[in-house]
Protein backbone atom coordinates (compact mmCIF):
# COMPACT_ATOMS: atom_id res chain seq x y z
CA UNK A 1 104.88 103.20 85.35
CA UNK A 2 102.66 104.20 82.44
CA UNK A 3 101.79 107.86 82.05
CA UNK A 4 98.94 107.00 79.70
CA UNK A 5 95.61 107.71 81.40
CA UNK A 6 93.55 104.59 82.02
CA UNK A 7 89.76 104.66 82.03
CA UNK A 8 88.06 102.89 84.91
CA UNK A 9 85.24 101.98 82.52
CA UNK A 10 87.71 100.08 80.37
CA UNK A 11 89.02 98.27 83.43
CA UNK A 12 85.63 97.01 84.57
CA UNK A 13 84.25 96.27 81.10
CA UNK A 14 85.39 92.65 81.54
CA UNK A 15 83.09 92.26 84.57
CA UNK A 16 80.15 94.45 83.49
CA UNK A 17 77.60 91.65 83.93
CA UNK A 18 79.03 90.81 87.36
CA UNK A 19 78.83 94.45 88.43
CA UNK A 20 75.18 94.58 87.36
CA UNK A 21 74.56 91.49 89.50
CA UNK A 22 76.34 93.11 92.47
CA UNK A 23 74.23 96.24 92.11
CA UNK A 24 71.16 94.00 92.19
CA UNK A 25 72.37 92.36 95.42
CA UNK A 26 73.06 95.78 96.94
CA UNK A 27 69.54 97.01 96.16
CA UNK A 28 67.95 93.85 97.53
CA UNK A 29 70.03 93.74 100.72
CA UNK A 30 69.60 97.44 101.48
CA UNK A 31 65.91 96.98 102.21
CA UNK A 32 64.72 97.71 105.73
CA UNK A 33 61.28 98.08 107.27
CA UNK A 34 62.50 101.38 108.71
CA UNK A 35 61.92 104.11 106.13
CA UNK A 36 64.78 106.37 107.26
CA UNK A 37 67.26 103.50 106.91
CA UNK A 38 66.10 102.95 103.34
CA UNK A 39 66.26 106.67 102.58
CA UNK A 40 69.80 107.26 103.85
CA UNK A 41 71.24 103.98 102.59
CA UNK A 42 69.78 104.58 99.15
CA UNK A 43 71.15 108.13 99.14
CA UNK A 44 74.67 106.93 99.91
CA UNK A 45 74.73 103.94 97.57
CA UNK A 46 73.15 105.86 94.67
CA UNK A 47 76.01 108.37 94.85
CA UNK A 48 78.04 105.70 93.07
CA UNK A 49 81.74 106.13 93.58
CA UNK A 50 84.49 104.03 92.06
CA UNK A 51 83.37 100.74 93.67
CA UNK A 52 87.00 99.64 93.55
CA UNK A 53 86.68 97.16 96.41
CA UNK A 54 83.82 95.16 94.84
CA UNK A 55 85.68 95.32 91.53
CA UNK A 56 88.68 93.70 93.24
CA UNK A 57 86.59 90.77 94.50
CA UNK A 58 85.16 90.18 91.03
CA UNK A 59 88.36 90.59 89.02
CA UNK A 60 90.45 88.32 91.25
CA UNK A 61 87.73 85.66 91.44
CA UNK A 62 87.39 85.68 87.66
CA UNK A 63 91.17 85.63 87.18
CA UNK A 64 91.14 82.29 89.01
CA UNK A 65 88.20 81.05 86.90
CA UNK A 66 85.58 81.14 89.64
CA UNK A 67 82.24 79.57 88.73
CA UNK A 68 79.34 80.55 90.94
CA UNK A 69 77.55 83.56 92.43
CA UNK A 70 79.09 83.93 95.90
CA UNK A 71 81.47 86.60 94.59
CA UNK A 72 78.47 88.87 93.95
CA UNK A 73 77.37 88.58 97.58
CA UNK A 74 80.94 89.14 98.84
CA UNK A 75 81.44 92.17 96.60
CA UNK A 76 78.26 93.69 98.05
CA UNK A 77 79.43 92.88 101.60
CA UNK A 78 82.71 94.70 100.98
CA UNK A 79 80.87 97.72 99.56
CA UNK A 80 78.54 97.84 102.58
CA UNK A 81 81.49 97.78 104.99
CA UNK A 82 83.18 100.56 103.02
CA UNK A 83 79.99 102.63 102.93
CA UNK A 84 79.54 102.23 106.69
CA UNK A 85 83.06 103.57 107.24
CA UNK A 86 82.28 106.56 105.00
CA UNK A 87 79.16 107.39 106.99
CA UNK A 88 81.10 107.28 110.25
CA UNK A 89 84.12 109.09 108.75
CA UNK A 90 82.05 112.02 107.59
CA UNK A 91 80.58 112.45 111.06
CA UNK A 92 84.00 112.29 112.73
CA UNK A 93 85.55 114.65 110.16
CA UNK A 94 82.49 116.96 110.06
CA UNK A 95 82.61 116.70 106.25
CA UNK A 96 79.95 118.41 104.16
CA UNK A 97 80.74 117.06 100.68
CA UNK A 98 81.26 113.50 99.44
CA UNK A 99 81.29 112.33 95.79
CA UNK A 100 80.13 115.76 94.71
CA UNK A 101 77.02 115.76 96.89
CA UNK A 102 76.13 116.81 100.41
CA UNK A 103 77.17 114.16 102.94
CA UNK A 104 74.48 112.15 104.70
CA UNK A 105 75.33 113.78 108.03
CA UNK A 106 74.92 117.23 106.46
CA UNK A 107 71.46 116.26 105.18
CA UNK A 108 70.10 113.89 107.82
CA UNK A 109 72.17 114.69 110.90
CA UNK A 110 74.98 112.95 112.73
CA UNK A 111 72.85 110.58 114.80
CA UNK A 112 71.01 109.14 111.80
CA UNK A 113 74.26 108.75 109.83
CA UNK A 114 76.00 106.85 112.63
CA UNK A 115 73.04 104.54 113.17
CA UNK A 116 72.60 103.77 109.47
CA UNK A 117 76.32 103.07 109.31
CA UNK A 118 75.74 100.55 112.11
CA UNK A 119 72.88 99.05 110.08
CA UNK A 120 75.17 98.58 107.07
CA UNK A 121 77.86 96.95 109.25
CA UNK A 122 75.40 94.53 110.80
CA UNK A 123 73.74 93.78 107.45
CA UNK A 124 77.14 92.95 105.97
CA UNK A 125 77.71 90.42 108.75
CA UNK A 126 74.30 88.86 108.15
CA UNK A 127 75.29 88.43 104.51
CA UNK A 128 78.69 86.90 105.21
CA UNK A 129 77.17 84.46 107.71
CA UNK A 130 74.76 83.30 104.98
CA UNK A 131 77.77 82.17 102.92
CA UNK A 132 78.63 79.67 105.70
CA UNK A 133 82.40 79.96 105.22
CA UNK A 134 84.45 80.49 108.39
CA UNK A 135 87.54 81.66 106.48
CA UNK A 136 85.48 84.36 104.75
CA UNK A 137 84.13 85.51 108.10
CA UNK A 138 87.60 85.58 109.62
CA UNK A 139 89.01 87.73 106.82
CA UNK A 140 86.15 90.22 106.97
CA UNK A 141 85.83 90.39 110.76
CA UNK A 142 89.60 90.90 111.08
CA UNK A 143 89.45 93.61 108.41
CA UNK A 144 86.62 95.54 110.10
CA UNK A 145 88.49 95.43 113.41
CA UNK A 146 91.74 96.69 111.85
CA UNK A 147 89.83 99.47 110.05
CA UNK A 148 88.32 100.58 113.37
CA UNK A 149 91.79 100.63 114.94
CA UNK A 150 93.03 102.71 112.01
CA UNK A 151 90.21 105.20 112.50
CA UNK A 152 91.15 105.60 116.17
CA UNK A 153 94.85 105.92 115.31
CA UNK A 154 94.01 108.65 112.80
CA UNK A 155 91.94 110.43 115.44
CA UNK A 156 94.94 110.38 117.79
CA UNK A 157 97.10 111.86 115.02
CA UNK A 158 94.75 114.79 114.34
CA UNK A 159 96.29 118.20 115.03
CA UNK A 160 99.64 116.53 115.79
CA UNK A 161 102.40 118.06 113.62
CA UNK A 162 104.96 115.54 114.92
CA UNK A 163 103.36 112.46 113.32
CA UNK A 164 106.04 110.44 111.54
CA UNK A 165 105.84 108.92 108.07
CA UNK A 166 105.97 105.47 109.68
CA UNK A 167 103.00 106.26 111.92
CA UNK A 168 101.04 107.69 109.02
CA UNK A 169 101.79 104.64 106.87
CA UNK A 170 100.28 102.49 109.61
CA UNK A 171 97.09 104.56 109.44
CA UNK A 172 96.90 103.99 105.67
CA UNK A 173 97.47 100.25 106.01
CA UNK A 174 94.77 99.95 108.65
CA UNK A 175 92.17 102.47 107.57
CA UNK A 176 92.32 102.12 103.78
CA UNK A 177 94.54 99.32 102.50
CA UNK A 178 93.12 96.61 104.78
CA UNK A 179 89.74 96.44 103.04
CA UNK A 180 91.43 96.42 99.61
CA UNK A 181 93.56 93.53 100.88
CA UNK A 182 90.52 91.64 102.19
CA UNK A 183 88.59 92.14 98.95
CA UNK A 184 91.39 90.69 96.83
CA UNK A 185 91.97 87.79 99.24
CA UNK A 186 88.27 86.92 99.19
CA UNK A 187 88.21 86.79 95.40
CA UNK A 188 91.11 84.34 95.37
CA UNK A 189 89.76 82.31 98.30
CA UNK A 190 86.32 81.59 96.91
CA UNK A 191 87.83 80.69 93.52
CA UNK A 192 89.84 77.92 95.15
CA UNK A 193 93.28 79.52 94.79
CA UNK A 194 96.13 78.10 96.87
CA UNK A 195 97.58 79.82 99.94
CA UNK A 196 100.43 81.41 98.01
CA UNK A 197 97.99 82.84 95.47
CA UNK A 198 95.67 84.13 98.21
CA UNK A 199 98.63 85.83 99.92
CA UNK A 200 99.76 87.37 96.62
CA UNK A 201 96.24 88.68 96.00
CA UNK A 202 96.29 90.21 99.49
CA UNK A 203 99.61 91.91 98.76
CA UNK A 204 98.18 93.28 95.52
CA UNK A 205 95.15 94.69 97.33
CA UNK A 206 97.19 96.14 100.19
CA UNK A 207 99.61 97.89 97.84
CA UNK A 208 96.81 99.09 95.57
CA UNK A 209 94.94 100.57 98.54
CA UNK A 210 98.10 102.34 99.67
CA UNK A 211 98.57 103.86 96.21
CA UNK A 212 94.95 105.03 96.13
CA UNK A 213 95.21 106.73 99.52
CA UNK A 214 98.48 108.48 98.70
CA UNK A 215 97.02 109.88 95.49
CA UNK A 216 93.98 111.01 97.49
CA UNK A 217 96.46 112.89 99.70
CA UNK A 218 97.90 114.60 96.62
CA UNK A 219 94.47 115.43 95.19
CA UNK A 220 93.35 117.01 98.45
CA UNK A 221 95.85 119.76 97.68
CA UNK A 222 96.24 119.67 93.91
CA UNK A 223 92.88 118.30 92.74
CA UNK A 224 89.77 119.95 91.35
CA UNK A 225 86.83 119.88 93.77
CA UNK A 226 84.37 119.24 90.93
CA UNK A 227 86.42 116.23 89.82
CA UNK A 228 87.34 114.69 93.17
CA UNK A 229 83.84 115.20 94.57
CA UNK A 230 84.88 116.76 97.88
CA UNK A 231 86.23 120.06 99.10
CA UNK A 232 89.89 120.63 98.30
CA UNK A 233 91.77 121.34 101.52
CA UNK A 234 89.57 119.18 103.76
CA UNK A 235 92.62 117.44 105.22
CA UNK A 236 94.15 120.75 106.26
CA UNK A 237 90.87 122.00 107.72
CA UNK A 238 90.62 118.81 109.79
CA UNK A 239 94.20 119.19 111.05
CA UNK A 240 95.05 115.88 109.39
CA UNK A 241 98.82 115.34 108.92
CA UNK A 242 98.99 113.47 105.60
CA UNK A 243 102.19 112.58 103.78
CA UNK A 244 102.72 115.89 101.90
CA UNK A 245 102.65 117.79 105.19
CA UNK A 246 104.76 115.19 107.01
CA UNK A 247 107.38 115.39 104.26
CA UNK A 248 107.50 119.18 104.51
CA UNK A 249 107.81 119.00 108.30
CA UNK A 250 110.92 116.83 107.82
CA UNK A 251 112.51 118.46 104.77
CA UNK A 252 111.13 121.99 104.44
CA UNK A 253 112.65 125.30 105.47
CA UNK A 254 112.15 126.56 109.00
CA UNK A 255 109.48 128.98 107.77
CA UNK A 256 107.67 126.19 105.93
CA UNK A 257 107.80 123.92 108.98
CA UNK A 258 106.39 126.64 111.21
CA UNK A 259 103.58 127.32 108.73
CA UNK A 260 102.63 123.63 108.50
CA UNK A 261 102.91 123.13 112.28
CA UNK A 262 100.55 126.03 112.92
CA UNK A 263 98.02 124.89 110.31
CA UNK A 264 97.95 121.29 111.57
CA UNK A 265 97.59 122.37 115.18
CA UNK A 266 94.76 124.81 114.50
CA UNK A 267 93.13 123.30 111.38
CA UNK A 268 93.77 126.63 109.70
CA UNK A 269 92.64 126.47 106.07
CA UNK A 270 92.94 130.24 105.60
CA UNK A 271 96.60 129.66 104.74
CA UNK A 272 95.78 126.89 102.25
CA UNK A 273 97.36 128.74 99.30
CA UNK A 274 100.59 129.27 101.23
CA UNK A 275 100.68 125.63 102.29
CA UNK A 276 99.97 124.48 98.72
CA UNK A 277 102.80 126.68 97.44
CA UNK A 278 105.16 125.25 100.08
CA UNK A 279 104.38 121.57 99.48
CA UNK A 280 104.59 122.11 95.71
CA UNK A 281 107.87 124.04 95.68
CA UNK A 282 109.30 121.90 98.48
CA UNK A 283 108.78 118.66 96.54
CA UNK A 284 106.24 117.19 98.96
CA UNK A 285 103.61 116.44 96.32
CA UNK A 286 106.20 114.86 94.03
CA UNK A 287 107.48 112.74 96.93
CA UNK A 288 103.97 111.56 97.76
CA UNK A 289 103.25 110.73 94.13
CA UNK A 290 106.49 108.73 93.90
CA UNK A 291 105.48 106.81 97.03
CA UNK A 292 102.15 106.02 95.37
CA UNK A 293 103.92 104.86 92.21
CA UNK A 294 106.17 102.59 94.29
CA UNK A 295 103.08 101.06 95.95
CA UNK A 296 101.46 100.51 92.54
CA UNK A 297 104.66 98.84 91.33
CA UNK A 298 104.47 96.46 94.32
CA UNK A 299 100.88 95.67 93.41
CA UNK A 300 101.89 94.85 89.84
CA UNK A 301 104.76 92.65 91.03
CA UNK A 302 102.36 90.69 93.25
CA UNK A 303 100.46 89.55 90.14
CA UNK A 304 103.53 87.92 88.56
CA UNK A 305 102.26 84.35 89.03
CA UNK A 306 98.56 85.01 88.41
CA UNK A 307 97.22 83.17 85.34
CA UNK A 308 97.36 85.33 82.22
CA UNK A 309 94.10 86.64 80.84
CA UNK A 310 91.87 89.68 80.47
CA UNK A 311 91.02 89.84 84.18
CA UNK A 312 94.69 89.93 85.13
CA UNK A 313 95.15 92.63 82.49
CA UNK A 314 92.39 94.64 84.14
CA UNK A 315 94.08 94.30 87.53
CA UNK A 316 97.34 95.57 86.02
CA UNK A 317 95.47 98.52 84.48
CA UNK A 318 93.82 99.22 87.83
CA UNK A 319 97.24 99.63 89.46
CA UNK A 320 98.15 102.20 86.83
CA UNK A 321 94.78 103.94 87.18
CA UNK A 322 95.44 104.30 90.92
CA UNK A 323 98.25 106.75 90.27
CA UNK A 324 97.20 108.29 86.94
CA UNK A 325 93.73 109.37 88.06
CA UNK A 326 92.60 112.94 88.67
CA UNK A 327 89.61 112.07 90.88
């Protein structure tokens, strides 16, 4: 795995025109006759973010020499689904900061955030229906259902210090990696790739999404709030047992285990410094980072039979960016 930092701007430079087209679709499709819908949706979308999921659709489609414009619509659909999950997530988690700005629920209230999230979900389904492709609809409807299951599974895990690594991995696969997987599959599908190539694209997306989430888990303890765009320690405050804490529960000293157990059960962020010291000295952050690197390696391996070219190169760089990033 490369230790050389990779710029996301370099990665997406090969699809700059496509990204501009996707942004145009997003603006057009966001419109509603209800002013508050426009206001909140615009606030969320204008916050930017990495847009990794739309990037996946575009890069994979281009890697298989897609000619057409349906990938722009699909990339926007994927971004709308992701944005809807963020709106709902922030309400569930009672988050106050997202991408360096106040969350929509902090500004507009929980009810408005949930309902605009519903608007984005339903708008995304209107858009995918317009493409008139049953396979596309199956991939996306299955993905949204799995994501919802992952959200519920995570809710059940909250404040539970006995969550296993296996159980947590299932949350990641459902809640985060599934939409990455769907985005990559869609890019291959609409470009006319064969079933083996579509499956390989899905494996790439699934592994990439896993790597991204695991690094997010690391950054929640070791990141800089101004860089990652959210409050450091949010996971601990929410009583969320992520992999660094799970590792320490299994491999730490008795004192460390008792500290982590108490913090997960109570959502006690007052002991954040002590927890950070424990997961750092106990090797939990290193373990989580190695797990992310292993996932990125799986993503890279999945591209072995993809046609060579600059778009494949960008996908390889994206796998490295997933683990090298600081935000």
